[in-house]
Protein backbone atom coordinates (compact mmCIF):
# COMPACT_ATOMS: atom_id res chain seq x y z
CA UNK A 1 -30.17 -17.56 15.43
CA UNK A 2 -31.19 -14.03 16.45
CA UNK A 3 -33.03 -11.61 14.17
CA UNK A 4 -29.79 -9.73 13.55
CA UNK A 5 -27.90 -12.95 12.71
CA UNK A 6 -30.66 -13.90 10.28
CA UNK A 7 -30.44 -10.46 8.67
CA UNK A 8 -26.77 -11.05 7.83
CA UNK A 9 -27.15 -14.69 6.83
CA UNK A 10 -26.37 -15.21 3.13
CA UNK A 11 -28.20 -18.10 1.47
CA UNK A 12 -25.73 -20.80 0.59
CA UNK A 13 -27.24 -21.23 -2.88
CA UNK A 14 -25.47 -18.02 -3.99
CA UNK A 15 -23.19 -18.71 -6.98
CA UNK A 16 -19.99 -17.44 -5.32
CA UNK A 17 -20.19 -20.26 -2.76
CA UNK A 18 -19.70 -22.89 -5.47
CA UNK A 19 -16.29 -24.62 -5.52
CA UNK A 20 -15.76 -23.62 -9.15
CA UNK A 21 -16.19 -19.95 -8.17
CA UNK A 22 -13.13 -20.29 -5.94
CA UNK A 23 -14.66 -20.07 -2.45
CA UNK A 24 -11.82 -21.03 -0.05
CA UNK A 25 -12.26 -24.44 1.57
CA UNK A 26 -11.33 -23.15 5.04
CA UNK A 27 -13.64 -20.09 5.08
CA UNK A 28 -17.13 -20.44 6.59
CA UNK A 29 -19.97 -19.34 4.34
CA UNK A 30 -21.71 -17.62 7.26
CA UNK A 31 -20.62 -16.35 10.67
CA UNK A 32 -22.54 -15.59 13.85
CA UNK A 33 -20.99 -12.19 14.38
CA UNK A 34 -20.02 -11.52 18.02
CA UNK A 35 -21.80 -8.80 19.96
CA UNK A 36 -18.62 -7.09 21.14
CA UNK A 37 -17.43 -3.53 21.37
CA UNK A 38 -13.95 -2.78 20.07
CA UNK A 39 -12.62 -2.56 23.62
CA UNK A 40 -14.12 -5.96 24.40
CA UNK A 41 -12.50 -7.36 21.25
CA UNK A 42 -9.11 -6.20 22.52
CA UNK A 43 -9.79 -7.42 26.07
CA UNK A 44 -10.66 -10.93 24.89
CA UNK A 45 -7.58 -11.18 22.70
CA UNK A 46 -5.35 -9.81 25.48
CA UNK A 47 -6.73 -12.39 27.93
CA UNK A 48 -5.77 -15.15 25.50
CA UNK A 49 -2.38 -13.70 24.51
CA UNK A 50 -1.11 -11.54 27.40
CA UNK A 51 2.60 -12.09 26.74
CA UNK A 52 2.51 -12.21 22.96
CA UNK A 53 3.48 -9.21 20.83
CA UNK A 54 0.68 -7.08 19.38
CA UNK A 55 2.62 -4.08 18.01
CA UNK A 56 6.10 -3.36 16.67
CA UNK A 57 7.28 0.21 16.25
CA UNK A 58 10.80 1.65 15.84
CA UNK A 59 12.57 -1.53 17.00
CA UNK A 60 10.28 -1.94 20.03
CA UNK A 61 7.61 -4.56 20.68
CA UNK A 62 4.54 -4.12 22.87
CA UNK A 63 2.63 -7.11 24.24
CA UNK A 64 -1.12 -7.56 24.42
CA UNK A 65 -0.98 -7.31 28.21
CA UNK A 66 0.94 -4.04 28.12
CA UNK A 67 -1.33 -2.57 25.44
CA UNK A 68 -4.44 -3.35 27.49
CA UNK A 69 -2.86 -1.88 30.63
CA UNK A 70 -2.01 1.32 28.75
CA UNK A 71 -5.51 1.47 27.28
CA UNK A 72 -7.09 1.10 30.73
CA UNK A 73 -4.82 3.77 32.23
CA UNK A 74 -5.39 6.19 29.38
CA UNK A 75 -9.16 5.63 29.47
CA UNK A 76 -9.19 6.48 33.17
CA UNK A 77 -7.15 9.60 32.43
CA UNK A 78 -9.59 10.66 29.73
CA UNK A 79 -12.50 9.96 32.06
CA UNK A 80 -10.92 12.32 34.57
CA UNK A 81 -10.97 15.00 31.86
CA UNK A 82 -14.74 14.47 31.52
CA UNK A 83 -14.49 12.71 28.18
CA UNK A 84 -17.26 10.16 27.80
CA UNK A 85 -19.84 8.53 25.60
CA UNK A 86 -20.64 10.47 22.44
CA UNK A 87 -17.74 12.92 22.71
CA UNK A 88 -15.68 13.23 19.53
CA UNK A 89 -11.90 12.87 19.81
CA UNK A 90 -9.66 13.81 16.88
CA UNK A 91 -6.44 11.80 16.53
CA UNK A 92 -3.72 13.62 14.59
CA UNK A 93 -0.81 11.24 14.86
CA UNK A 94 1.39 9.12 12.68
CA UNK A 95 1.06 5.38 13.22
CA UNK A 96 2.74 4.70 16.57
CA UNK A 97 2.07 2.98 19.91
CA UNK A 98 0.01 5.97 21.02
CA UNK A 99 -2.56 5.62 18.25
CA UNK A 100 -4.00 2.19 19.24
CA UNK A 101 -3.83 3.15 22.92
CA UNK A 102 -5.89 6.29 22.33
CA UNK A 103 -8.24 4.52 19.93
CA UNK A 104 -9.20 1.65 22.22
CA UNK A 105 -9.31 3.90 25.30
CA UNK A 106 -11.88 6.08 23.56
CA UNK A 107 -13.76 2.94 22.51
CA UNK A 108 -13.89 1.85 26.14
CA UNK A 109 -15.51 5.17 27.10
CA UNK A 110 -17.90 5.26 24.15
CA UNK A 111 -16.14 8.33 22.74
CA UNK A 112 -16.04 8.61 18.95
CA UNK A 113 -12.74 8.66 17.07
CA UNK A 114 -12.05 10.68 13.95
CA UNK A 115 -8.57 10.22 12.50
CA UNK A 116 -6.86 13.16 10.82
CA UNK A 117 -4.38 12.78 8.00
CA UNK A 118 -1.11 14.32 9.27
CA UNK A 119 -0.32 15.71 5.81
CA UNK A 120 -3.67 17.46 5.43
CA UNK A 121 -3.86 21.18 4.79
CA UNK A 122 -5.51 23.50 7.38
CA UNK A 123 -8.63 24.02 5.22
CA UNK A 124 -9.11 20.25 4.91
CA UNK A 125 -8.68 19.79 8.66
CA UNK A 126 -11.14 22.58 9.43
CA UNK A 127 -13.72 20.91 7.17
CA UNK A 128 -13.30 17.64 9.07
CA UNK A 129 -13.45 19.27 12.50
CA UNK A 130 -16.56 21.25 11.62
CA UNK A 131 -18.25 18.16 10.17
CA UNK A 132 -17.48 15.94 13.16
CA UNK A 133 -17.63 18.46 16.01
CA UNK A 134 -14.44 17.18 17.61
CA UNK A 135 -13.97 18.64 21.11
CA UNK A 136 -10.70 16.92 22.02
CA UNK A 137 -7.46 16.73 20.06
CA UNK A 138 -4.71 14.16 20.61
CA UNK A 139 -1.78 15.27 18.50
CA UNK A 140 1.93 14.75 17.86
CA UNK A 141 3.92 17.75 19.05
CA UNK A 142 5.77 17.97 15.72
CA UNK A 143 2.63 18.61 13.70
CA UNK A 144 0.57 20.72 16.08
CA UNK A 145 1.78 24.13 14.95
CA UNK A 146 1.75 23.60 11.15
CA UNK A 147 -1.63 21.85 11.18
CA UNK A 148 -3.62 23.41 14.02
CA UNK A 149 -1.75 26.57 14.97
CA UNK A 150 -3.07 28.28 11.85
CA UNK A 151 -6.71 27.56 12.61
CA UNK A 152 -6.90 30.39 15.13
CA UNK A 153 -10.45 30.89 16.36
CA UNK A 154 -11.97 28.91 13.50
CA UNK A 155 -12.20 25.83 15.73
CA UNK A 156 -11.63 25.64 19.46
CA UNK A 157 -10.90 22.42 21.34
CA UNK A 158 -11.98 21.89 24.94
CA UNK A 159 -8.72 20.07 25.57
CA UNK A 160 -5.53 19.21 23.70
CA UNK A 161 -3.36 16.20 24.54
CA UNK A 162 0.15 16.11 23.11
CA UNK A 163 2.75 13.39 22.64
CA UNK A 164 6.06 12.85 20.93
CA UNK A 165 6.60 10.11 18.37
CA UNK A 166 9.10 8.22 20.56
CA UNK A 167 7.40 8.70 23.95
CA UNK A 168 6.71 4.96 24.32
CA UNK A 169 9.62 3.60 22.29
CA UNK A 170 12.14 1.46 24.17
CA UNK A 171 15.02 3.93 24.00
CA UNK A 172 17.28 5.44 26.71
CA UNK A 173 15.92 8.83 27.84
CA UNK A 174 19.19 10.59 27.04
CA UNK A 175 19.00 9.35 23.43
CA UNK A 176 15.53 10.82 23.11
CA UNK A 177 16.74 14.18 24.42
CA UNK A 178 19.79 14.21 22.14
CA UNK A 179 17.71 13.08 19.18
CA UNK A 180 15.30 15.97 19.62
CA UNK A 181 18.12 18.49 19.99
CA UNK A 182 19.83 17.15 16.87
CA UNK A 183 16.61 17.26 14.90
CA UNK A 184 16.61 13.51 14.30
CA UNK A 185 13.45 13.10 16.36
CA UNK A 186 10.81 15.57 15.16
CA UNK A 187 9.23 17.81 17.77
CA UNK A 188 7.54 21.19 17.90
CA UNK A 189 5.81 23.81 20.05
CA UNK A 190 2.45 23.07 21.66
CA UNK A 191 0.02 25.18 23.75
CA UNK A 192 0.98 25.85 27.36
CA UNK A 193 -2.35 24.38 28.45
CA UNK A 194 -1.78 21.11 26.58
CA UNK A 195 -1.92 17.88 28.58
CA UNK A 196 0.89 15.34 28.25
CA UNK A 197 -0.09 11.91 26.93
CA UNK A 198 2.47 10.32 29.26
CA UNK A 199 0.90 11.99 32.29
CA UNK A 200 -2.48 10.42 31.51
CA UNK A 201 -0.78 7.02 31.27
CA UNK A 202 0.18 7.39 34.94
CA UNK A 203 -3.51 7.31 35.92
CA UNK A 204 -4.49 4.25 37.93
CA UNK A 205 -6.97 2.08 36.02
CA UNK A 206 -10.46 2.33 37.42
CA UNK A 207 -13.76 0.59 36.84
CA UNK A 208 -15.58 2.39 34.06
CA UNK A 209 -19.21 1.76 33.25
CA UNK A 210 -20.47 3.88 30.39
CA UNK A 211 -22.97 1.37 29.00
CA UNK A 212 -21.26 1.23 25.62
CA UNK A 213 -23.13 -1.09 23.24
CA UNK A 214 -22.24 -2.67 19.93
CA UNK A 215 -24.68 -0.34 18.16
CA UNK A 216 -22.99 2.80 19.48
CA UNK A 217 -20.84 4.86 17.14
CA UNK A 218 -17.13 3.98 17.21
CA UNK A 219 -15.66 6.17 14.49
CA UNK A 220 -16.33 9.00 12.09
CA UNK A 221 -14.44 8.15 8.90
CA UNK A 222 -13.80 10.72 6.20
CA UNK A 223 -14.58 9.28 2.79
CA UNK A 224 -11.84 9.43 0.18
CA UNK A 225 -12.96 12.60 -1.56
CA UNK A 226 -11.52 11.36 -4.89
CA UNK A 227 -14.76 12.31 -6.70
CA UNK A 228 -15.95 15.24 -4.54
CA UNK A 229 -15.89 16.82 -1.09
CA UNK A 230 -15.26 14.18 1.62
CA UNK A 231 -18.27 13.07 3.67
CA UNK A 232 -18.33 11.55 7.15
CA UNK A 233 -19.22 7.86 7.30
CA UNK A 234 -20.63 6.69 10.66
CA UNK A 235 -19.24 3.32 11.76
CA UNK A 236 -20.52 1.48 14.83
CA UNK A 237 -18.66 -0.97 17.04
CA UNK A 238 -20.67 -3.76 15.42
CA UNK A 239 -19.61 -2.57 11.96
CA UNK A 240 -15.91 -2.57 12.88
CA UNK A 241 -15.89 -5.85 14.83
CA UNK A 242 -17.90 -7.68 12.16
CA UNK A 243 -15.50 -6.47 9.48
CA UNK A 244 -12.47 -7.62 11.49
CA UNK A 245 -13.93 -11.07 12.22
CA UNK A 246 -14.97 -11.64 8.62
CA UNK A 247 -11.68 -10.52 7.08
CA UNK A 248 -9.65 -12.54 9.61
CA UNK A 249 -11.60 -15.69 8.70
CA UNK A 250 -10.57 -15.17 5.06
CA UNK A 251 -6.92 -14.35 5.65
CA UNK A 252 -5.78 -16.81 8.27
CA UNK A 253 -6.33 -20.42 9.28
CA UNK A 254 -4.02 -20.12 12.31
CA UNK A 255 -3.47 -17.35 14.90
CA UNK A 256 -0.34 -15.29 15.50
CA UNK A 257 0.21 -13.82 12.05
CA UNK A 258 2.24 -10.68 11.35
CA UNK A 259 0.61 -7.82 9.43
CA UNK A 260 2.79 -5.19 7.77
CA UNK A 261 1.07 -1.93 8.65
CA UNK A 262 2.40 0.44 6.04
CA UNK A 263 -1.11 1.87 5.70
CA UNK A 264 -1.77 4.79 8.08
CA UNK A 265 -4.08 4.14 11.03
CA UNK A 266 -6.15 7.27 10.40
CA UNK A 267 -7.41 5.64 7.18
CA UNK A 268 -10.26 3.10 7.25
CA UNK A 269 -8.00 0.51 5.58
CA UNK A 270 -5.29 0.90 8.23
CA UNK A 271 -7.85 0.97 11.04
CA UNK A 272 -9.38 -2.29 9.76
CA UNK A 273 -5.92 -3.87 9.62
CA UNK A 274 -5.44 -3.08 13.32
CA UNK A 275 -8.76 -4.62 14.39
CA UNK A 276 -8.21 -7.66 12.14
CA UNK A 277 -4.74 -8.27 13.58
CA UNK A 278 -6.11 -8.21 17.12
CA UNK A 279 -8.90 -10.60 16.12
CA UNK A 280 -6.22 -13.03 14.92
CA UNK A 281 -4.05 -12.65 18.03
CA UNK A 282 -1.23 -11.53 15.77
CA UNK A 283 1.02 -8.50 15.69
CA UNK A 284 1.14 -5.42 13.49
CA UNK A 285 4.30 -3.70 12.29
CA UNK A 286 3.83 0.09 12.37
CA UNK A 287 5.68 2.74 10.37
CA UNK A 288 5.46 6.48 11.18
CA UNK A 289 5.64 7.22 7.45
CA UNK A 290 5.97 5.09 4.30
CA UNK A 291 9.50 3.64 4.40
CA UNK A 292 11.96 3.42 1.55
CA UNK A 293 11.58 0.12 -0.29
CA UNK A 294 14.87 -1.32 1.00
CA UNK A 295 14.02 -0.36 4.60
CA UNK A 296 10.62 -2.02 4.20
CA UNK A 297 12.16 -5.23 2.88
CA UNK A 298 14.73 -5.31 5.70
CA UNK A 299 12.02 -4.78 8.32
CA UNK A 300 9.87 -7.57 6.92
CA UNK A 301 12.84 -9.94 6.93
CA UNK A 302 13.89 -8.93 10.47
CA UNK A 303 10.56 -8.87 12.33
CA UNK A 304 8.08 -10.69 10.09
CA UNK A 305 6.65 -14.07 11.05
CA UNK A 306 8.10 -17.01 9.10
CA UNK A 307 5.74 -17.90 6.24
CA UNK A 308 2.88 -16.12 8.00
CA UNK A 309 3.33 -12.44 7.18
CA UNK A 310 0.56 -10.56 5.42
CA UNK A 311 1.22 -7.36 3.47
CA UNK A 312 -1.81 -5.25 2.48
CA UNK A 313 -1.45 -2.09 0.45
CA UNK A 314 -2.20 -0.21 -2.74
CA UNK A 315 -0.97 -1.27 -6.18
CA UNK A 316 1.85 1.30 -6.18
CA UNK A 317 3.49 -0.42 -3.19
CA UNK A 318 3.73 -3.74 -5.02
CA UNK A 319 4.96 -1.95 -8.12
CA UNK A 320 7.75 -0.44 -6.02
CA UNK A 321 8.75 -3.87 -4.70
CA UNK A 322 8.77 -5.29 -8.22
CA UNK A 323 11.00 -2.39 -9.33
CA UNK A 324 13.45 -2.88 -6.43
CA UNK A 325 16.62 -4.03 -8.19
CA UNK A 326 18.17 -5.67 -5.12
CA UNK A 327 15.13 -7.70 -4.06
CA UNK A 328 16.93 -10.97 -4.90
CA UNK A 329 19.35 -10.32 -2.01
CA UNK A 330 16.57 -10.86 0.51
CA UNK A 331 14.58 -13.99 1.36
CA UNK A 332 11.32 -12.08 1.29
CA UNK A 333 9.32 -15.16 0.32
CA UNK A 334 10.38 -16.89 3.55
CA UNK A 335 8.39 -14.28 5.46
CA UNK A 336 5.60 -13.12 3.16
CA UNK A 337 2.95 -15.60 2.13
CA UNK A 338 -0.07 -13.43 1.29
CA UNK A 339 -0.43 -9.92 -0.08
CA UNK A 340 -3.52 -7.86 -0.84
CA UNK A 341 -3.85 -4.91 -3.19
CA UNK A 342 -6.81 -2.62 -2.58
CA UNK A 343 -7.66 1.12 -2.50
CA UNK A 344 -7.82 0.99 -6.31
CA UNK A 345 -7.50 -1.47 -9.19
CA UNK A 346 -4.69 -4.01 -9.44
CA UNK A 347 -3.53 -4.13 -13.04
CA UNK A 348 -2.52 -7.55 -14.31
CA UNK A 349 0.93 -6.42 -15.47
CA UNK A 350 1.76 -5.21 -11.93
CA UNK A 351 0.53 -8.45 -10.35
CA UNK A 352 2.53 -10.60 -12.77
CA UNK A 353 5.77 -8.66 -12.24
CA UNK A 354 5.44 -8.77 -8.46
CA UNK A 355 4.78 -12.51 -8.31
CA UNK A 356 7.73 -13.13 -10.65
CA UNK A 357 10.05 -11.12 -8.40
CA UNK A 358 8.82 -12.76 -5.16
CA UNK A 359 8.07 -16.36 -6.19
CA UNK A 360 5.65 -18.29 -4.01
CA UNK A 361 3.99 -15.17 -2.59
CA UNK A 362 0.36 -14.74 -3.63
CA UNK A 363 -0.94 -11.27 -4.49
CA UNK A 364 -4.70 -10.93 -4.67
CA UNK A 365 -6.96 -7.98 -5.34
CA UNK A 366 -9.57 -6.87 -2.84
CA UNK A 367 -12.30 -4.30 -2.73
CA UNK A 368 -13.38 -2.06 0.10
CA UNK A 369 -14.81 1.31 0.90
CA UNK A 370 -15.12 3.58 3.92
CA UNK A 371 -18.87 3.05 3.99
CA UNK A 372 -18.28 -0.70 4.33
CA UNK A 373 -15.75 -0.47 7.21
CA UNK A 374 -13.02 -1.20 4.62
CA UNK A 375 -12.75 -4.63 2.97
CA UNK A 376 -15.86 -6.39 1.64
CA UNK A 377 -14.32 -8.64 -1.02
CA UNK A 378 -11.01 -10.50 -1.38
CA UNK A 379 -9.64 -12.96 -3.92
CA UNK A 380 -9.16 -16.56 -2.67
CA UNK A 381 -5.64 -17.53 -1.64
CA UNK A 382 -5.90 -21.31 -1.80
CA UNK A 383 -7.04 -21.47 -5.44
CA UNK A 384 -6.25 -19.91 -8.78
CA UNK A 385 -8.49 -16.97 -9.49
CA UNK A 386 -9.74 -15.36 -12.66
CA UNK A 387 -7.74 -12.21 -13.49
CA UNK A 388 -9.53 -8.89 -13.24
CA UNK A 389 -12.00 -9.81 -10.53
CA UNK A 390 -11.97 -7.92 -7.24
CA UNK A 391 -12.58 -11.19 -5.41
CA UNK A 392 -15.49 -12.83 -3.68
CA UNK A 393 -17.68 -11.29 -0.98
CA UNK A 394 -16.33 -12.11 2.48
CA UNK A 395 -18.62 -13.91 4.98
CA UNK A 396 -21.73 -11.88 5.77
CA UNK A 397 -21.61 -9.84 2.56
CA UNK A 398 -24.13 -10.22 -0.24
CA UNK A 399 -23.80 -8.30 -3.49
CA UNK A 400 -25.70 -7.53 -6.69
CA UNK A 401 -25.34 -5.54 -9.90
CA UNK A 402 -28.26 -3.19 -10.58
CA UNK A 403 -29.15 -0.77 -13.36
CA UNK A 404 -27.39 2.59 -13.27
CA UNK A 405 -30.46 4.73 -13.85
CA UNK A 406 -32.83 3.70 -11.05
CA UNK A 407 -30.85 1.14 -9.06
CA UNK A 408 -34.01 -0.96 -8.77
CA UNK A 409 -33.45 -3.70 -11.38
CA UNK A 410 -30.99 -6.51 -10.74
CA UNK A 411 -29.01 -7.21 -13.90
CA UNK A 412 -28.12 -10.64 -15.33
CA UNK A 413 -24.52 -11.90 -15.52
CA UNK A 414 -22.35 -9.97 -17.97
CA UNK A 415 -24.32 -6.72 -17.95
CA UNK A 416 -22.64 -3.59 -16.57
CA UNK A 417 -24.33 -1.71 -13.76
CA UNK A 418 -23.76 -0.41 -10.23
CA UNK A 419 -22.44 -2.70 -7.50
CA UNK A 420 -24.58 -2.76 -4.35
CA UNK A 421 -23.91 -4.76 -1.21
CA UNK A 422 -25.38 -5.62 2.17
CA UNK A 423 -23.75 -6.91 5.34
CA UNK A 424 -22.99 -6.22 9.01
CA UNK A 425 -20.11 -3.90 8.14
CA UNK A 426 -22.24 -1.43 6.17
CA UNK A 427 -22.17 2.01 7.79
CA UNK A 428 -24.98 3.56 9.78
CA UNK A 429 -25.10 6.54 7.39
CA UNK A 430 -23.44 9.87 6.63
CA UNK A 431 -23.19 12.31 9.52
CA UNK A 432 -25.68 15.20 9.24
CA UNK A 433 -26.33 14.36 5.60
CA UNK A 434 -29.76 12.73 5.25
CA UNK A 435 -29.98 13.30 1.49
CA UNK A 436 -26.73 11.47 0.71
CA UNK A 437 -27.60 8.78 3.23
CA UNK A 438 -30.97 8.14 1.58
CA UNK A 439 -29.28 7.98 -1.83
CA UNK A 440 -26.55 5.60 -0.69
CA UNK A 441 -28.41 3.32 1.76
CA UNK A 442 -31.64 1.80 0.45
CA UNK A 443 -33.85 -0.99 1.74
CA UNK A 444 -34.44 -4.00 -0.51
CA UNK A 445 -35.62 -7.49 0.40
CA UNK A 446 -35.61 -6.62 4.10
CA UNK A 447 -31.92 -5.64 4.04
CA UNK A 448 -30.10 -2.30 3.91
CA UNK A 449 -28.10 -2.08 0.68
CA UNK A 450 -25.10 0.15 0.16
CA UNK A 451 -24.97 1.68 -3.31
CA UNK A 452 -21.23 1.78 -3.91
CA UNK A 453 -21.04 4.10 -6.91
CA UNK A 454 -18.74 1.54 -8.56
CA UNK A 455 -19.58 0.20 -12.01
CA UNK A 456 -18.96 -3.34 -13.16
CA UNK A 457 -20.51 -6.67 -13.96
CA UNK A 458 -20.94 -10.06 -12.31
CA UNK A 459 -20.23 -13.37 -14.07
CA UNK A 460 -22.34 -16.49 -13.73
CA UNK A 461 -20.31 -17.59 -10.68
CA UNK A 462 -20.97 -14.38 -8.75
CA UNK A 463 -17.50 -12.90 -9.28
CA UNK A 464 -17.47 -9.14 -9.78
CA UNK A 465 -15.33 -7.24 -12.27
CA UNK A 466 -15.25 -3.50 -11.66
CA UNK A 467 -14.74 -0.98 -14.43
CA UNK A 468 -14.73 2.33 -12.62
CA UNK A 469 -16.47 4.82 -10.39
CA UNK A 470 -19.88 5.90 -11.57
CA UNK A 471 -18.88 9.56 -11.27
CA UNK A 472 -15.68 8.99 -13.29
CA UNK A 473 -17.29 7.28 -16.27
CA UNK A 474 -16.38 9.12 -19.51
CA UNK A 475 -19.03 9.48 -22.20
CA UNK A 476 -17.58 9.85 -25.73
CA UNK A 477 -20.29 10.28 -28.38
CA UNK A 478 -22.58 8.16 -26.22
CA UNK A 479 -20.01 5.41 -25.69
CA UNK A 480 -18.98 4.53 -22.13
CA UNK A 481 -15.23 4.73 -21.51
CA UNK A 482 -13.87 3.37 -18.24
CA UNK A 483 -10.65 5.13 -17.12
CA UNK A 484 -9.31 1.99 -15.43
CA UNK A 485 -9.57 0.02 -18.67
CA UNK A 486 -7.68 2.65 -20.66
CA UNK A 487 -5.01 2.83 -17.94
CA UNK A 488 -4.64 -0.95 -18.09
CA UNK A 489 -4.25 -0.90 -21.88
CA UNK A 490 -1.68 1.91 -21.68
CA UNK A 491 0.24 -0.16 -19.15
CA UNK A 492 0.87 -2.78 -21.83
CA UNK A 493 3.18 -0.38 -23.68
CA UNK A 494 6.82 -0.91 -22.73
CA UNK A 495 7.35 2.83 -22.20
CA UNK A 496 4.56 3.38 -19.68
CA UNK A 497 5.29 3.17 -15.97
CA UNK A 498 1.84 4.34 -14.84
CA UNK A 499 -0.99 6.57 -16.00
CA UNK A 500 -4.19 8.30 -15.00
CA UNK A 501 -7.15 8.83 -17.32
CA UNK A 502 -10.07 11.25 -17.04
CA UNK A 503 -12.63 12.95 -19.24
CA UNK A 504 -12.47 16.59 -20.34
CA UNK A 505 -15.31 18.67 -21.81
CA UNK A 506 -15.43 18.48 -25.60
CA UNK A 507 -17.85 20.36 -27.89
CA UNK A 508 -17.89 17.62 -30.53
CA UNK A 509 -17.97 14.39 -28.54
CA UNK A 510 -19.38 15.54 -25.19
CA UNK A 511 -16.23 14.42 -23.42
CA UNK A 512 -12.73 13.66 -24.61
CA UNK A 513 -10.33 11.13 -23.08
CA UNK A 514 -7.09 12.49 -21.66
CA UNK A 515 -4.23 10.40 -20.34
CA UNK A 516 -1.55 11.70 -18.00
CA UNK A 517 1.39 9.33 -18.45
CA UNK A 518 4.53 8.66 -16.41
CA UNK A 519 7.23 7.17 -18.62
CA UNK A 520 9.80 4.66 -17.46
CA UNK A 521 13.17 6.32 -16.88
CA UNK A 522 14.86 4.70 -19.88
CA UNK A 523 12.06 5.83 -22.22
CA UNK A 524 12.08 9.52 -21.42
CA UNK A 525 12.94 11.48 -24.55
CA UNK A 526 12.55 8.38 -26.75
CA UNK A 527 8.81 8.58 -27.41
CA UNK A 528 6.44 11.45 -28.17
CA UNK A 529 2.83 11.85 -27.18
CA UNK A 530 1.77 11.43 -30.82
CA UNK A 531 3.74 8.17 -31.13
CA UNK A 532 2.00 6.85 -28.03
CA UNK A 533 -1.37 7.97 -29.46
CA UNK A 534 -0.59 6.08 -32.66
CA UNK A 535 0.04 2.94 -30.62
CA UNK A 536 -3.28 3.51 -28.81
CA UNK A 537 -5.10 3.72 -32.16
CA UNK A 538 -3.71 0.32 -33.07
CA UNK A 539 -4.58 -1.28 -29.72
CA UNK A 540 -7.84 0.36 -28.59
CA UNK A 541 -11.30 0.98 -29.96
CA UNK A 542 -11.43 4.44 -31.52
CA UNK A 543 -13.65 5.97 -28.83
CA UNK A 544 -11.25 4.83 -26.07
CA UNK A 545 -8.15 6.36 -27.66
CA UNK A 546 -6.96 9.39 -25.66
CA UNK A 547 -7.46 12.61 -27.60
CA UNK A 548 -4.81 14.18 -25.38
CA UNK A 549 -1.69 12.66 -23.81
CA UNK A 550 0.48 14.58 -21.36
CA UNK A 551 3.72 13.28 -19.91
CA UNK A 552 4.10 14.02 -16.18
CA UNK A 553 6.67 13.15 -13.52
CA UNK A 554 4.27 11.46 -11.09
CA UNK A 555 0.60 10.59 -10.81
CA UNK A 556 -0.94 12.30 -7.75
CA UNK A 557 -2.28 9.87 -5.17
CA UNK A 558 -3.77 9.85 -1.71
CA UNK A 559 -1.61 8.61 1.16
CA UNK A 560 -2.97 5.09 0.66
CA UNK A 561 -2.38 5.08 -3.08
CA UNK A 562 -5.70 6.07 -4.66
CA UNK A 563 -5.17 7.94 -7.93
CA UNK A 564 -6.46 11.52 -7.75
CA UNK A 565 -7.91 11.78 -11.26
CA UNK A 566 -10.12 14.65 -10.12
CA UNK A 567 -7.05 16.71 -9.17
CA UNK A 568 -5.50 16.26 -12.62
CA UNK A 569 -8.78 17.00 -14.37
CA UNK A 570 -9.54 20.18 -12.43
CA UNK A 571 -6.01 21.52 -12.98
CA UNK A 572 -6.18 20.99 -16.75
CA UNK A 573 -6.44 24.18 -18.86
CA UNK A 574 -9.27 22.73 -20.98
CA UNK A 575 -11.35 22.01 -17.89
CA UNK A 576 -10.57 25.44 -16.40
CA UNK A 577 -11.59 27.21 -19.61
CA UNK A 578 -14.84 25.25 -19.70
CA UNK A 579 -15.61 26.16 -16.07
CA UNK A 580 -15.00 29.85 -16.77
CA UNK A 581 -17.03 29.98 -19.99
């Protein structure tokens, strides 16, 4: 065992490894993580599965062999444009064939990827570009003008590469032309100097030696920004590969699974799904934008793998499936066998409804973060699991609960504190932000520990139960109120479809609890905010009861389903008045 392997070896006396904790029988307790770059990960999988599908997009499949050929061609094309190790390439594309091709081609060269959310506003994009120093842009033609045309001289790219959504889709050329003219295939103006993606794919593959190592940077990931301005997490090839290998060992006992990729590839969750699928030798179903529920169900039934299809997503996606009135018409449970809810808490009432609607399909909660290359904990699939837990740490991950004030004292089971974790998927740091890096990454016991900012407790079997983000904790007269708990209690009322809870400044109690509530359609007009408050008084401790309740049409969320409590809070008149006073 090398020094690095020993560093990520978790002692098998840890409580979560006990059978009664739920550790899956088929999952190894420790893994010797491979020393591979992301390109090497793809190359190995392609050598083993050259004719098997790796991607599905708009009724077209692409095989491992074809993906690797495209990656090699595109990498040679990029090399000819003098893109190499350490250069930052921004990808502004919907999930499509082009995204993995560009991603792994850059990985081959040692270039660093930063994915841009296609629905971002120009100011948000400028912040990301200035933070990362991206010199190359690979962009869909349809979004170039609205996203980048307005930047003017604020950020200049050395080169811009453009592509259309259907460039690599198996479709007659005349249909593509007609579709663009009819407006059914989105397109848009691009700079005259832009380089065509398809032209670079015509480049003959060439031998490339850029001495890319596993410790080199693979991606700059923008953190969620749900509690403040997004930061840039630095992920290495070793981080990403280790994450993929560990997660794959938890999800699958056999190769060739199908993964439903509704999560966008620019996000760390979607990116991790891609790497994990390739580790398994399976295939990923890509969507250019979140589909309607019926279209999603039809796609799963048409192209999913029988009894070996995995669907990861946020809670809202499983809530939508449970609400789909015609779900009984489809044999969804003949395709799906495992589902994972992450990017926020999974409330028990949502889990129960989903599993009732799709019998035999197991929905588990997981926990991940950008700084941990996405997933670091998942609930076991082969055993019953205690409700409310975010799961067990995947192989290579060790975790603890420490005091909130100093972060130096490990707390006993049952006491609430901050979750910290160590493992091979923990980021290298925040880009150009040594203060935040020093606060978030700290050395203990010879390991680097990531301070997650999430509050919760661990039981005697090492299972973690999260309450909320440290920065979103509400203090009412000295009492700690966790927004997630109040949201879960509100969800027990028959009228409540979903809610978001945050704290507002209050002169008497320090902070006051406010709940923004979306009512079910058949309850609108039948219940008042005061009636709902009265129910809260009967079902919650007094300090948890919302002082204010506001009915809204929808809870704002990120593209992957994280609730934007901060957005609601900052738009509230009480908060605005406090800020101006």
